[in-house]
All heavy atoms as atom14 arrays in JSON, in Angstrom:
{
  "sequence": "LLEFAKEILPNFDTDISKRLKQTLSKRGLEFFNQAAVT",
  "atom14_mask": [
    [1, 1, 1, 1, 1, 1, 1, 1, 0, 0, 0, 0, 0, 0],
    [1, 1, 1, 1, 1, 1, 1, 1, 0, 0, 0, 0, 0, 0],
    [1, 1, 1, 1, 1, 1, 1, 1, 1, 0, 0, 0, 0, 0],
    [1, 1, 1, 1, 1, 1, 1, 1, 1, 1, 1, 0, 0, 0],
    [1, 1, 1, 1, 1, 0, 0, 0, 0, 0, 0, 0, 0, 0],
    [1, 1, 1, 1, 1, 1, 1, 1, 1, 0, 0, 0, 0, 0],
    [1, 1, 1, 1, 1, 1, 1, 1, 1, 0, 0, 0, 0, 0],
    [1, 1, 1, 1, 1, 1, 1, 1, 0, 0, 0, 0, 0, 0],
    [1, 1, 1, 1, 1, 1, 1, 1, 0, 0, 0, 0, 0, 0],
    [1, 1, 1, 1, 1, 1, 1, 0, 0, 0, 0, 0, 0, 0],
    [1, 1, 1, 1, 1, 1, 1, 1, 0, 0, 0, 0, 0, 0],
    [1, 1, 1, 1, 1, 1, 1, 1, 1, 1, 1, 0, 0, 0],
    [1, 1, 1, 1, 1, 1, 1, 1, 0, 0, 0, 0, 0, 0],
    [1, 1, 1, 1, 1, 1, 1, 0, 0, 0, 0, 0, 0, 0],
    [1, 1, 1, 1, 1, 1, 1, 1, 0, 0, 0, 0, 0, 0],
    [1, 1, 1, 1, 1, 1, 1, 1, 0, 0, 0, 0, 0, 0],
    [1, 1, 1, 1, 1, 1, 0, 0, 0, 0, 0, 0, 0, 0],
    [1, 1, 1, 1, 1, 1, 1, 1, 1, 0, 0, 0, 0, 0],
    [1, 1, 1, 1, 1, 1, 1, 1, 1, 1, 1, 0, 0, 0],
    [1, 1, 1, 1, 1, 1, 1, 1, 0, 0, 0, 0, 0, 0],
    [1, 1, 1, 1, 1, 1, 1, 1, 1, 0, 0, 0, 0, 0],
    [1, 1, 1, 1, 1, 1, 1, 1, 1, 0, 0, 0, 0, 0],
    [1, 1, 1, 1, 1, 1, 1, 0, 0, 0, 0, 0, 0, 0],
    [1, 1, 1, 1, 1, 1, 1, 1, 0, 0, 0, 0, 0, 0],
    [1, 1, 1, 1, 1, 1, 0, 0, 0, 0, 0, 0, 0, 0],
    [1, 1, 1, 1, 1, 1, 1, 1, 1, 0, 0, 0, 0, 0],
    [1, 1, 1, 1, 1, 1, 1, 1, 1, 1, 1, 0, 0, 0],
    [1, 1, 1, 1, 0, 0, 0, 0, 0, 0, 0, 0, 0, 0],
    [1, 1, 1, 1, 1, 1, 1, 1, 0, 0, 0, 0, 0, 0],
    [1, 1, 1, 1, 1, 1, 1, 1, 1, 0, 0, 0, 0, 0],
    [1, 1, 1, 1, 1, 1, 1, 1, 1, 1, 1, 0, 0, 0],
    [1, 1, 1, 1, 1, 1, 1, 1, 1, 1, 1, 0, 0, 0],
    [1, 1, 1, 1, 1, 1, 1, 1, 0, 0, 0, 0, 0, 0],
    [1, 1, 1, 1, 1, 1, 1, 1, 1, 0, 0, 0, 0, 0],
    [1, 1, 1, 1, 1, 0, 0, 0, 0, 0, 0, 0, 0, 0],
    [1, 1, 1, 1, 1, 0, 0, 0, 0, 0, 0, 0, 0, 0],
    [1, 1, 1, 1, 1, 1, 1, 0, 0, 0, 0, 0, 0, 0],
    [1, 1, 1, 1, 1, 1, 1, 0, 0, 0, 0, 0, 0, 0]
  ],
  "atom14_positions": [
    [[85.27, 184.17, 209.03], [85.86, 184.75, 210.23], [86.48, 183.69, 211.1], [85.83, 182.67, 211.39], [84.85, 185.54, 211.04], [84.28, 186.8, 210.35], [82.88, 186.51, 209.83], [84.25, 188.0, 211.31], [0.0, 0.0, 0.0], [0.0, 0.0, 0.0], [0.0, 0.0, 0.0], [0.0, 0.0, 0.0], [0.0, 0.0, 0.0], [0.0, 0.0, 0.0]],
    [[87.72, 183.92, 211.53], [88.43, 183.01, 212.43], [88.66, 183.73, 213.76], [89.34, 184.74, 213.8], [89.77, 182.59, 211.81], [89.71, 182.01, 210.39], [91.13, 181.75, 209.88], [88.89, 180.72, 210.36], [0.0, 0.0, 0.0], [0.0, 0.0, 0.0], [0.0, 0.0, 0.0], [0.0, 0.0, 0.0], [0.0, 0.0, 0.0], [0.0, 0.0, 0.0]],
    [[88.06, 183.23, 214.82], [88.15, 183.87, 216.13], [88.72, 182.91, 217.16], [88.23, 181.78, 217.28], [86.76, 184.37, 216.55], [86.65, 184.81, 218.01], [87.63, 185.92, 218.38], [87.68, 186.94, 217.66], [88.36, 185.76, 219.37], [0.0, 0.0, 0.0], [0.0, 0.0, 0.0], [0.0, 0.0, 0.0], [0.0, 0.0, 0.0], [0.0, 0.0, 0.0]],
    [[89.72, 183.36, 217.88], [90.4, 182.52, 218.87], [89.5, 182.24, 220.09], [89.55, 181.17, 220.67], [91.69, 183.2, 219.31], [92.53, 182.35, 220.26], [93.27, 181.29, 219.77], [92.55, 182.62, 221.59], [94.04, 180.5, 220.62], [93.3, 181.85, 222.47], [94.05, 180.78, 221.98], [0.0, 0.0, 0.0], [0.0, 0.0, 0.0], [0.0, 0.0, 0.0]],
    [[88.68, 183.22, 220.46], [87.83, 183.07, 221.66], [86.65, 182.14, 221.38], [86.33, 181.8, 220.25], [87.32, 184.44, 222.11], [0.0, 0.0, 0.0], [0.0, 0.0, 0.0], [0.0, 0.0, 0.0], [0.0, 0.0, 0.0], [0.0, 0.0, 0.0], [0.0, 0.0, 0.0], [0.0, 0.0, 0.0], [0.0, 0.0, 0.0], [0.0, 0.0, 0.0]],
    [[85.97, 181.75, 222.46], [84.85, 180.84, 222.38], [83.64, 181.47, 221.69], [82.88, 180.79, 221.01], [84.45, 180.38, 223.8], [83.37, 179.31, 223.82], [83.09, 178.89, 225.26], [82.01, 177.8, 225.31], [81.71, 177.4, 226.7], [0.0, 0.0, 0.0], [0.0, 0.0, 0.0], [0.0, 0.0, 0.0], [0.0, 0.0, 0.0], [0.0, 0.0, 0.0]],
    [[83.48, 182.78, 221.87], [82.35, 183.5, 221.24], [82.88, 184.7, 220.44], [83.99, 185.16, 220.66], [81.37, 184.0, 222.3], [80.76, 182.92, 223.18], [79.81, 182.0, 222.43], [79.39, 182.35, 221.32], [79.48, 180.92, 222.96], [0.0, 0.0, 0.0], [0.0, 0.0, 0.0], [0.0, 0.0, 0.0], [0.0, 0.0, 0.0], [0.0, 0.0, 0.0]],
    [[82.07, 185.2, 219.52], [82.39, 186.47, 218.88], [82.15, 187.57, 219.89], [81.5, 187.37, 220.9], [81.55, 186.69, 217.61], [80.05, 186.87, 217.95], [81.74, 185.55, 216.63], [79.2, 187.32, 216.77], [0.0, 0.0, 0.0], [0.0, 0.0, 0.0], [0.0, 0.0, 0.0], [0.0, 0.0, 0.0], [0.0, 0.0, 0.0], [0.0, 0.0, 0.0]],
    [[82.68, 188.75, 219.64], [82.56, 189.88, 220.56], [82.83, 189.44, 222.0], [81.94, 189.47, 222.86], [81.14, 190.51, 220.48], [80.8, 191.25, 219.2], [79.36, 191.7, 219.23], [81.72, 192.41, 218.94], [0.0, 0.0, 0.0], [0.0, 0.0, 0.0], [0.0, 0.0, 0.0], [0.0, 0.0, 0.0], [0.0, 0.0, 0.0], [0.0, 0.0, 0.0]],
    [[84.04, 189.02, 222.3], [84.36, 188.44, 223.61], [83.99, 189.3, 224.8], [83.71, 188.78, 225.88], [85.88, 188.26, 223.54], [86.18, 188.09, 222.09], [85.21, 189.0, 221.4], [0.0, 0.0, 0.0], [0.0, 0.0, 0.0], [0.0, 0.0, 0.0], [0.0, 0.0, 0.0], [0.0, 0.0, 0.0], [0.0, 0.0, 0.0], [0.0, 0.0, 0.0]],
    [[83.96, 190.63, 224.65], [83.66, 191.5, 225.8], [82.18, 191.83, 225.94], [81.77, 192.53, 226.87], [84.45, 192.8, 225.68], [85.95, 192.58, 225.78], [86.4, 191.71, 226.52], [86.71, 193.34, 225.03], [0.0, 0.0, 0.0], [0.0, 0.0, 0.0], [0.0, 0.0, 0.0], [0.0, 0.0, 0.0], [0.0, 0.0, 0.0], [0.0, 0.0, 0.0]],
    [[81.36, 191.32, 225.02], [79.93, 191.58, 225.08], [79.19, 190.49, 225.85], [79.74, 189.42, 226.12], [79.35, 191.69, 223.67], [79.39, 193.06, 223.07], [80.58, 193.73, 222.87], [78.21, 193.72, 222.71], [80.62, 194.99, 222.34], [78.24, 194.99, 222.16], [79.46, 195.63, 221.97], [0.0, 0.0, 0.0], [0.0, 0.0, 0.0], [0.0, 0.0, 0.0]],
    [[77.94, 190.77, 226.2], [77.09, 189.78, 226.85], [76.97, 188.54, 225.98], [76.8, 188.64, 224.74], [75.71, 190.41, 227.08], [74.73, 189.46, 227.76], [74.69, 189.43, 228.98], [74.05, 188.73, 227.01], [0.0, 0.0, 0.0], [0.0, 0.0, 0.0], [0.0, 0.0, 0.0], [0.0, 0.0, 0.0], [0.0, 0.0, 0.0], [0.0, 0.0, 0.0]],
    [[77.04, 187.38, 226.58], [77.05, 186.12, 225.84], [75.78, 185.93, 225.04], [75.82, 185.46, 223.88], [77.26, 184.93, 226.8], [78.49, 185.11, 227.49], [77.32, 183.63, 226.03], [0.0, 0.0, 0.0], [0.0, 0.0, 0.0], [0.0, 0.0, 0.0], [0.0, 0.0, 0.0], [0.0, 0.0, 0.0], [0.0, 0.0, 0.0], [0.0, 0.0, 0.0]],
    [[74.64, 186.27, 225.6], [73.37, 186.13, 224.86], [73.37, 186.96, 223.59], [72.9, 186.51, 222.52], [72.18, 186.54, 225.73], [71.67, 185.44, 226.63], [71.95, 184.27, 226.32], [71.01, 185.74, 227.65], [0.0, 0.0, 0.0], [0.0, 0.0, 0.0], [0.0, 0.0, 0.0], [0.0, 0.0, 0.0], [0.0, 0.0, 0.0], [0.0, 0.0, 0.0]],
    [[73.89, 188.16, 223.69], [73.94, 189.07, 222.54], [74.87, 188.51, 221.47], [74.53, 188.43, 220.28], [74.38, 190.47, 222.96], [73.38, 191.08, 223.96], [74.56, 191.35, 221.73], [71.97, 191.21, 223.42], [0.0, 0.0, 0.0], [0.0, 0.0, 0.0], [0.0, 0.0, 0.0], [0.0, 0.0, 0.0], [0.0, 0.0, 0.0], [0.0, 0.0, 0.0]],
    [[76.09, 188.11, 221.88], [77.06, 187.62, 220.89], [76.57, 186.35, 220.2], [76.73, 186.17, 219.01], [78.41, 187.38, 221.57], [78.33, 186.41, 222.62], [0.0, 0.0, 0.0], [0.0, 0.0, 0.0], [0.0, 0.0, 0.0], [0.0, 0.0, 0.0], [0.0, 0.0, 0.0], [0.0, 0.0, 0.0], [0.0, 0.0, 0.0], [0.0, 0.0, 0.0]],
    [[75.93, 185.45, 220.96], [75.41, 184.21, 220.37], [74.32, 184.5, 219.34], [74.32, 183.95, 218.24], [74.89, 183.28, 221.44], [75.97, 182.58, 222.26], [75.36, 181.65, 223.31], [76.46, 180.89, 224.06], [75.88, 179.99, 225.11], [0.0, 0.0, 0.0], [0.0, 0.0, 0.0], [0.0, 0.0, 0.0], [0.0, 0.0, 0.0], [0.0, 0.0, 0.0]],
    [[73.38, 185.35, 219.7], [72.26, 185.63, 218.79], [72.71, 186.44, 217.58], [72.21, 186.25, 216.47], [71.14, 186.34, 219.53], [70.56, 185.49, 220.67], [69.12, 185.83, 220.91], [68.59, 185.1, 222.03], [67.29, 184.89, 222.25], [66.42, 185.37, 221.39], [66.89, 184.2, 223.3], [0.0, 0.0, 0.0], [0.0, 0.0, 0.0], [0.0, 0.0, 0.0]],
    [[73.63, 187.36, 217.81], [74.16, 188.13, 216.68], [74.88, 187.21, 215.71], [74.75, 187.34, 214.48], [75.09, 189.23, 217.19], [75.71, 190.14, 216.11], [74.62, 190.88, 215.33], [76.66, 191.14, 216.73], [0.0, 0.0, 0.0], [0.0, 0.0, 0.0], [0.0, 0.0, 0.0], [0.0, 0.0, 0.0], [0.0, 0.0, 0.0], [0.0, 0.0, 0.0]],
    [[75.63, 186.27, 216.25], [76.32, 185.29, 215.39], [75.32, 184.49, 214.56], [75.54, 184.28, 213.35], [77.16, 184.36, 216.26], [77.93, 183.3, 215.47], [78.71, 182.4, 216.41], [79.42, 181.29, 215.66], [80.15, 180.38, 216.58], [0.0, 0.0, 0.0], [0.0, 0.0, 0.0], [0.0, 0.0, 0.0], [0.0, 0.0, 0.0], [0.0, 0.0, 0.0]],
    [[74.21, 184.06, 215.17], [73.2, 183.33, 214.43], [72.62, 184.17, 213.29], [72.46, 183.67, 212.17], [72.07, 182.91, 215.38], [72.48, 181.83, 216.39], [71.4, 181.6, 217.43], [70.35, 182.25, 217.42], [71.64, 180.65, 218.34], [0.0, 0.0, 0.0], [0.0, 0.0, 0.0], [0.0, 0.0, 0.0], [0.0, 0.0, 0.0], [0.0, 0.0, 0.0]],
    [[72.32, 185.42, 213.58], [71.74, 186.29, 212.57], [72.72, 186.58, 211.44], [72.35, 186.56, 210.26], [71.27, 187.62, 213.21], [70.31, 187.33, 214.24], [70.62, 188.54, 212.17], [0.0, 0.0, 0.0], [0.0, 0.0, 0.0], [0.0, 0.0, 0.0], [0.0, 0.0, 0.0], [0.0, 0.0, 0.0], [0.0, 0.0, 0.0], [0.0, 0.0, 0.0]],
    [[73.97, 186.83, 211.79], [74.98, 187.11, 210.77], [75.27, 185.86, 209.93], [75.54, 185.94, 208.73], [76.27, 187.61, 211.41], [76.16, 189.0, 212.07], [77.46, 189.35, 212.78], [75.83, 190.08, 211.03], [0.0, 0.0, 0.0], [0.0, 0.0, 0.0], [0.0, 0.0, 0.0], [0.0, 0.0, 0.0], [0.0, 0.0, 0.0], [0.0, 0.0, 0.0]],
    [[75.17, 184.7, 210.57], [75.37, 183.44, 209.83], [74.29, 183.26, 208.78], [74.55, 182.76, 207.68], [75.38, 182.25, 210.79], [76.48, 182.31, 211.68], [0.0, 0.0, 0.0], [0.0, 0.0, 0.0], [0.0, 0.0, 0.0], [0.0, 0.0, 0.0], [0.0, 0.0, 0.0], [0.0, 0.0, 0.0], [0.0, 0.0, 0.0], [0.0, 0.0, 0.0]],
    [[73.07, 183.67, 209.1], [71.98, 183.59, 208.14], [72.23, 184.48, 206.93], [71.73, 184.21, 205.83], [70.65, 184.0, 208.8], [70.14, 183.01, 209.83], [68.85, 183.52, 210.48], [68.38, 182.63, 211.59], [67.2, 183.18, 212.29], [0.0, 0.0, 0.0], [0.0, 0.0, 0.0], [0.0, 0.0, 0.0], [0.0, 0.0, 0.0], [0.0, 0.0, 0.0]],
    [[73.02, 185.53, 207.14], [73.36, 186.43, 206.02], [74.49, 185.87, 205.18], [74.87, 186.46, 204.16], [73.78, 187.79, 206.56], [72.66, 188.62, 207.15], [73.13, 190.02, 207.52], [73.77, 190.66, 206.36], [74.67, 191.62, 206.47], [75.06, 192.06, 207.65], [75.21, 192.17, 205.37], [0.0, 0.0, 0.0], [0.0, 0.0, 0.0], [0.0, 0.0, 0.0]],
    [[75.04, 184.71, 205.6], [76.07, 184.06, 204.79], [77.47, 184.18, 205.31], [78.43, 183.68, 204.69], [0.0, 0.0, 0.0], [0.0, 0.0, 0.0], [0.0, 0.0, 0.0], [0.0, 0.0, 0.0], [0.0, 0.0, 0.0], [0.0, 0.0, 0.0], [0.0, 0.0, 0.0], [0.0, 0.0, 0.0], [0.0, 0.0, 0.0], [0.0, 0.0, 0.0]],
    [[77.66, 184.8, 206.48], [79.0, 184.85, 207.07], [79.32, 183.5, 207.71], [78.48, 182.88, 208.35], [79.08, 185.95, 208.16], [79.35, 187.38, 207.67], [78.17, 187.92, 206.87], [79.63, 188.29, 208.84], [0.0, 0.0, 0.0], [0.0, 0.0, 0.0], [0.0, 0.0, 0.0], [0.0, 0.0, 0.0], [0.0, 0.0, 0.0], [0.0, 0.0, 0.0]],
    [[80.56, 183.04, 207.52], [80.98, 181.75, 208.06], [81.93, 181.98, 209.23], [82.95, 182.65, 209.09], [81.66, 180.91, 206.98], [81.92, 179.48, 207.41], [82.43, 178.6, 206.29], [82.95, 179.13, 205.3], [82.29, 177.37, 206.4], [0.0, 0.0, 0.0], [0.0, 0.0, 0.0], [0.0, 0.0, 0.0], [0.0, 0.0, 0.0], [0.0, 0.0, 0.0]],
    [[81.57, 181.42, 210.39], [82.36, 181.62, 211.63], [83.06, 180.34, 212.05], [82.47, 179.25, 211.99], [81.44, 182.07, 212.77], [80.87, 183.45, 212.61], [79.64, 183.62, 211.98], [81.53, 184.56, 213.08], [79.09, 184.89, 211.83], [80.99, 185.82, 212.96], [79.76, 185.99, 212.33], [0.0, 0.0, 0.0], [0.0, 0.0, 0.0], [0.0, 0.0, 0.0]],
    [[84.28, 180.5, 212.53], [85.0, 179.41, 213.2], [85.57, 179.95, 214.49], [86.53, 180.74, 214.49], [86.14, 178.86, 212.31], [85.65, 178.18, 211.07], [85.49, 178.88, 209.88], [85.35, 176.83, 211.08], [85.03, 178.27, 208.73], [84.87, 176.19, 209.94], [84.72, 176.9, 208.76], [0.0, 0.0, 0.0], [0.0, 0.0, 0.0], [0.0, 0.0, 0.0]],
    [[84.9, 179.61, 215.6], [85.38, 180.05, 216.93], [86.38, 179.04, 217.49], [86.39, 177.89, 217.1], [84.21, 180.22, 217.88], [83.44, 181.51, 217.6], [82.55, 181.55, 216.75], [83.8, 182.56, 218.31], [0.0, 0.0, 0.0], [0.0, 0.0, 0.0], [0.0, 0.0, 0.0], [0.0, 0.0, 0.0], [0.0, 0.0, 0.0], [0.0, 0.0, 0.0]],
    [[87.18, 179.53, 218.42], [88.26, 178.73, 219.01], [89.19, 178.21, 217.9], [89.65, 177.08, 217.93], [87.72, 177.58, 219.85], [86.95, 178.09, 221.08], [86.37, 176.98, 221.92], [85.46, 176.26, 221.49], [86.9, 176.84, 223.14], [0.0, 0.0, 0.0], [0.0, 0.0, 0.0], [0.0, 0.0, 0.0], [0.0, 0.0, 0.0], [0.0, 0.0, 0.0]],
    [[89.44, 179.12, 216.95], [90.31, 178.79, 215.81], [91.61, 179.58, 216.01], [91.58, 180.8, 216.17], [89.66, 179.17, 214.49], [0.0, 0.0, 0.0], [0.0, 0.0, 0.0], [0.0, 0.0, 0.0], [0.0, 0.0, 0.0], [0.0, 0.0, 0.0], [0.0, 0.0, 0.0], [0.0, 0.0, 0.0], [0.0, 0.0, 0.0], [0.0, 0.0, 0.0]],
    [[92.73, 178.9, 215.98], [94.04, 179.52, 216.16], [94.78, 179.55, 214.83], [95.13, 178.5, 214.29], [94.85, 178.78, 217.22], [0.0, 0.0, 0.0], [0.0, 0.0, 0.0], [0.0, 0.0, 0.0], [0.0, 0.0, 0.0], [0.0, 0.0, 0.0], [0.0, 0.0, 0.0], [0.0, 0.0, 0.0], [0.0, 0.0, 0.0], [0.0, 0.0, 0.0]],
    [[94.98, 180.76, 214.3], [95.7, 180.89, 213.02], [97.19, 180.62, 213.25], [97.81, 181.18, 214.15], [95.5, 182.3, 212.43], [96.31, 182.47, 211.14], [94.02, 182.53, 212.14], [0.0, 0.0, 0.0], [0.0, 0.0, 0.0], [0.0, 0.0, 0.0], [0.0, 0.0, 0.0], [0.0, 0.0, 0.0], [0.0, 0.0, 0.0], [0.0, 0.0, 0.0]],
    [[97.77, 179.77, 212.42], [99.18, 179.37, 212.59], [100.1, 179.95, 211.52], [101.26, 180.2, 211.78], [99.3, 177.84, 212.58], [98.7, 177.33, 211.37], [98.6, 177.23, 213.79], [0.0, 0.0, 0.0], [0.0, 0.0, 0.0], [0.0, 0.0, 0.0], [0.0, 0.0, 0.0], [0.0, 0.0, 0.0], [0.0, 0.0, 0.0], [0.0, 0.0, 0.0]]
  ]
}
């Protein structure tokens, strides 16, 4: 996943988005935040 914003789920509570990202990462999803697709 490539996300331009600093966190996933930009409109959600920061604590929730951070912890959800950690849990999903454990499932094998790879995140790159503040990534701008060119």
